[in-house]
Amino acid sequence: MARVVKESDVVIFSVKPQVDRFVRVMPNTPAAVGEAASVMSLGTAATEEDGALVAKLFGFVGKMFKADEKMFDVVTGLMYAT
């Protein structure tokens, strides 16, 4: 596993939000067929470049939006209600 990580440009893993440099992303179910509407929020240590990379990656499975963390529950609730 260490070799795969070392040779990768990007590694995606899950952590608790208060740990590490992170970008929180919430894709919805249509991601499985490339029709997702995902929303992201940059953690306090994440850079705009981190956000751009995440947006590019998740853009391959649908539309990508950015929201403040304080609005994340509202936005994801709307995404799943539609």
N, C-alpha and C. Protein backbone atom coordinates (compact mmCIF):
# COMPACT_ATOMS: atom_id res chain seq x y z
N MET A 1 0.82 -1.19 0.00
CA MET A 1 0.00 0.00 0.00
C MET A 1 0.86 1.26 0.00
N ALA A 2 1.94 1.26 0.77
CA ALA A 2 2.81 2.44 0.83
C ALA A 2 3.36 2.79 -0.54
N ARG A 3 3.67 1.79 -1.33
CA ARG A 3 4.19 2.04 -2.68
C ARG A 3 3.15 2.73 -3.56
N VAL A 4 1.91 2.27 -3.47
CA VAL A 4 0.84 2.88 -4.25
C VAL A 4 0.67 4.34 -3.87
N VAL A 5 0.65 4.62 -2.58
CA VAL A 5 0.52 6.00 -2.10
C VAL A 5 1.69 6.84 -2.57
N LYS A 6 2.88 6.32 -2.44
CA LYS A 6 4.09 7.05 -2.82
C LYS A 6 4.10 7.38 -4.31
N GLU A 7 3.58 6.50 -5.14
CA GLU A 7 3.60 6.70 -6.59
C GLU A 7 2.36 7.40 -7.13
N SER A 8 1.45 7.81 -6.25
CA SER A 8 0.21 8.46 -6.67
C SER A 8 0.33 9.98 -6.58
N ASP A 9 -0.37 10.67 -7.47
CA ASP A 9 -0.45 12.13 -7.41
C ASP A 9 -1.50 12.58 -6.40
N VAL A 10 -2.57 11.82 -6.28
CA VAL A 10 -3.67 12.16 -5.38
C VAL A 10 -4.09 10.90 -4.64
N VAL A 11 -4.32 11.04 -3.34
CA VAL A 11 -4.83 9.94 -2.52
C VAL A 11 -6.07 10.46 -1.81
N ILE A 12 -7.17 9.74 -1.93
CA ILE A 12 -8.41 10.14 -1.27
C ILE A 12 -8.67 9.16 -0.14
N PHE A 13 -8.84 9.70 1.07
CA PHE A 13 -9.18 8.87 2.21
C PHE A 13 -10.08 9.66 3.14
N SER A 14 -10.74 8.97 4.03
CA SER A 14 -11.67 9.63 4.93
C SER A 14 -11.03 9.85 6.29
N VAL A 15 -11.24 11.04 6.81
CA VAL A 15 -10.78 11.38 8.16
C VAL A 15 -11.88 12.18 8.84
N LYS A 16 -11.81 12.27 10.13
CA LYS A 16 -12.73 13.14 10.85
C LYS A 16 -12.39 14.58 10.46
N PRO A 17 -13.40 15.42 10.25
CA PRO A 17 -13.18 16.78 9.73
C PRO A 17 -12.19 17.63 10.52
N GLN A 18 -12.06 17.41 11.81
CA GLN A 18 -11.15 18.24 12.59
C GLN A 18 -9.69 17.80 12.49
N VAL A 19 -9.41 16.77 11.70
CA VAL A 19 -8.06 16.24 11.58
C VAL A 19 -7.49 16.58 10.20
N ASP A 20 -6.25 17.00 10.14
CA ASP A 20 -5.49 17.17 8.88
C ASP A 20 -5.99 18.30 7.99
N ARG A 21 -5.32 18.49 6.82
CA ARG A 21 -5.73 19.42 5.76
C ARG A 21 -6.79 18.69 4.94
N PHE A 22 -8.01 19.22 4.87
CA PHE A 22 -9.07 18.47 4.21
C PHE A 22 -9.99 19.36 3.40
N VAL A 23 -10.67 18.73 2.46
CA VAL A 23 -11.75 19.35 1.70
C VAL A 23 -12.93 18.39 1.86
N ARG A 24 -14.00 18.86 2.46
CA ARG A 24 -15.18 18.02 2.66
C ARG A 24 -16.00 18.02 1.38
N VAL A 25 -16.36 16.84 0.90
CA VAL A 25 -17.16 16.71 -0.32
C VAL A 25 -18.33 15.78 -0.04
N MET A 26 -19.50 16.19 -0.50
CA MET A 26 -20.69 15.36 -0.35
C MET A 26 -21.30 15.15 -1.74
N PRO A 27 -20.95 14.03 -2.39
CA PRO A 27 -21.60 13.72 -3.68
C PRO A 27 -22.95 13.05 -3.41
N ASN A 28 -23.87 13.15 -4.36
CA ASN A 28 -25.13 12.43 -4.19
C ASN A 28 -25.12 11.15 -5.02
N THR A 29 -26.13 10.34 -4.87
CA THR A 29 -26.18 9.01 -5.47
C THR A 29 -25.93 8.97 -6.98
N PRO A 30 -26.42 9.92 -7.78
CA PRO A 30 -26.19 9.84 -9.22
C PRO A 30 -24.71 9.89 -9.65
N ALA A 31 -23.80 10.04 -8.69
CA ALA A 31 -22.37 9.98 -9.02
C ALA A 31 -22.02 8.65 -9.68
N ALA A 32 -22.76 7.62 -9.34
CA ALA A 32 -22.50 6.29 -9.89
C ALA A 32 -22.67 6.25 -11.41
N VAL A 33 -23.46 7.18 -11.96
CA VAL A 33 -23.68 7.21 -13.41
C VAL A 33 -23.23 8.53 -14.04
N GLY A 34 -22.36 9.27 -13.33
CA GLY A 34 -21.79 10.49 -13.89
C GLY A 34 -22.72 11.69 -13.89
N GLU A 35 -23.78 11.66 -13.10
CA GLU A 35 -24.76 12.75 -13.07
C GLU A 35 -24.87 13.37 -11.67
N ALA A 36 -23.79 13.37 -10.93
CA ALA A 36 -23.81 13.86 -9.55
C ALA A 36 -23.93 15.37 -9.47
N ALA A 37 -24.39 15.80 -8.31
CA ALA A 37 -24.29 17.20 -7.91
C ALA A 37 -23.57 17.14 -6.57
N SER A 38 -22.29 17.48 -6.56
CA SER A 38 -21.48 17.42 -5.35
C SER A 38 -21.25 18.81 -4.81
N VAL A 39 -21.12 18.91 -3.51
CA VAL A 39 -20.80 20.19 -2.88
C VAL A 39 -19.57 19.99 -2.01
N MET A 40 -18.70 21.01 -2.02
CA MET A 40 -17.47 20.90 -1.22
C MET A 40 -17.31 22.12 -0.34
N SER A 41 -16.57 21.91 0.73
CA SER A 41 -16.22 22.97 1.66
C SER A 41 -14.75 22.80 2.00
N LEU A 42 -13.98 23.87 1.86
CA LEU A 42 -12.56 23.80 2.17
C LEU A 42 -12.34 23.88 3.67
N GLY A 43 -11.55 22.97 4.21
CA GLY A 43 -11.16 23.04 5.61
C GLY A 43 -10.25 24.24 5.83
N THR A 44 -10.04 24.62 7.07
CA THR A 44 -9.27 25.83 7.36
C THR A 44 -7.83 25.76 6.86
N ALA A 45 -7.26 24.57 6.78
CA ALA A 45 -5.89 24.43 6.31
C ALA A 45 -5.80 24.13 4.82
N ALA A 46 -6.93 23.89 4.17
CA ALA A 46 -6.93 23.58 2.73
C ALA A 46 -6.70 24.85 1.93
N THR A 47 -6.02 24.70 0.82
CA THR A 47 -5.72 25.83 -0.05
C THR A 47 -6.72 25.88 -1.21
N GLU A 48 -6.75 27.01 -1.90
CA GLU A 48 -7.59 27.12 -3.09
C GLU A 48 -7.16 26.11 -4.14
N GLU A 49 -5.86 25.81 -4.19
CA GLU A 49 -5.36 24.80 -5.13
C GLU A 49 -5.91 23.42 -4.77
N ASP A 50 -6.02 23.12 -3.47
CA ASP A 50 -6.64 21.86 -3.04
C ASP A 50 -8.07 21.80 -3.55
N GLY A 51 -8.80 22.90 -3.38
CA GLY A 51 -10.18 22.96 -3.83
C GLY A 51 -10.31 22.79 -5.33
N ALA A 52 -9.41 23.40 -6.08
CA ALA A 52 -9.45 23.28 -7.54
C ALA A 52 -9.21 21.84 -7.97
N LEU A 53 -8.28 21.16 -7.31
CA LEU A 53 -8.00 19.76 -7.64
C LEU A 53 -9.20 18.87 -7.32
N VAL A 54 -9.78 19.07 -6.15
CA VAL A 54 -10.95 18.28 -5.76
C VAL A 54 -12.11 18.55 -6.72
N ALA A 55 -12.33 19.80 -7.08
CA ALA A 55 -13.40 20.15 -8.02
C ALA A 55 -13.18 19.47 -9.36
N LYS A 56 -11.94 19.42 -9.80
CA LYS A 56 -11.63 18.76 -11.07
C LYS A 56 -11.92 17.26 -10.99
N LEU A 57 -11.48 16.63 -9.90
CA LEU A 57 -11.70 15.19 -9.74
C LEU A 57 -13.19 14.85 -9.68
N PHE A 58 -13.94 15.56 -8.84
CA PHE A 58 -15.36 15.27 -8.70
C PHE A 58 -16.16 15.77 -9.90
N GLY A 59 -15.59 16.67 -10.68
CA GLY A 59 -16.24 17.12 -11.90
C GLY A 59 -16.40 16.02 -12.92
N PHE A 60 -15.61 14.98 -12.79
CA PHE A 60 -15.73 13.84 -13.71
C PHE A 60 -17.00 13.04 -13.47
N VAL A 61 -17.64 13.20 -12.31
CA VAL A 61 -18.87 12.46 -12.03
C VAL A 61 -20.09 13.37 -11.95
N GLY A 62 -19.95 14.62 -12.38
CA GLY A 62 -21.09 15.52 -12.39
C GLY A 62 -20.71 16.95 -12.05
N LYS A 63 -21.70 17.73 -11.62
CA LYS A 63 -21.48 19.13 -11.29
C LYS A 63 -20.91 19.27 -9.90
N MET A 64 -20.11 20.33 -9.71
CA MET A 64 -19.44 20.57 -8.44
C MET A 64 -19.76 21.97 -7.97
N PHE A 65 -20.14 22.11 -6.70
CA PHE A 65 -20.45 23.40 -6.11
C PHE A 65 -19.62 23.59 -4.85
N LYS A 66 -19.44 24.84 -4.46
CA LYS A 66 -18.68 25.16 -3.25
C LYS A 66 -19.61 25.89 -2.27
N ALA A 67 -19.52 25.54 -1.00
CA ALA A 67 -20.35 26.19 0.02
C ALA A 67 -19.53 26.37 1.29
N ASP A 68 -19.90 27.36 2.08
CA ASP A 68 -19.29 27.53 3.40
C ASP A 68 -19.70 26.34 4.27
N GLU A 69 -18.81 25.94 5.15
CA GLU A 69 -19.09 24.80 6.03
C GLU A 69 -20.39 25.00 6.82
N LYS A 70 -20.67 26.23 7.26
CA LYS A 70 -21.88 26.47 8.06
C LYS A 70 -23.17 26.22 7.27
N MET A 71 -23.09 26.22 5.95
CA MET A 71 -24.25 25.97 5.10
C MET A 71 -24.30 24.55 4.56
N PHE A 72 -23.33 23.73 4.92
CA PHE A 72 -23.19 22.40 4.34
C PHE A 72 -24.41 21.51 4.57
N ASP A 73 -24.96 21.51 5.78
CA ASP A 73 -26.12 20.67 6.06
C ASP A 73 -27.32 21.09 5.23
N VAL A 74 -27.53 22.39 5.09
CA VAL A 74 -28.65 22.89 4.30
C VAL A 74 -28.49 22.51 2.83
N VAL A 75 -27.32 22.73 2.29
CA VAL A 75 -27.07 22.44 0.87
C VAL A 75 -27.21 20.95 0.59
N THR A 76 -26.62 20.11 1.42
CA THR A 76 -26.74 18.66 1.18
C THR A 76 -28.17 18.20 1.36
N GLY A 77 -28.92 18.81 2.30
CA GLY A 77 -30.33 18.47 2.45
C GLY A 77 -31.13 18.77 1.21
N LEU A 78 -30.84 19.90 0.58
CA LEU A 78 -31.51 20.27 -0.67
C LEU A 78 -31.14 19.32 -1.80
N MET A 79 -29.86 18.91 -1.84
CA MET A 79 -29.41 18.01 -2.90
C MET A 79 -30.15 16.68 -2.84
N TYR A 80 -30.38 16.19 -1.64
CA TYR A 80 -31.03 14.88 -1.50
C TYR A 80 -32.53 14.97 -1.59
N ALA A 81 -33.09 16.16 -1.44
CA ALA A 81 -34.54 16.34 -1.51
C ALA A 81 -35.04 16.37 -2.95
N THR A 82 -34.14 16.67 -3.89
CA THR A 82 -34.56 16.80 -5.29
C THR A 82 -34.45 15.49 -6.02
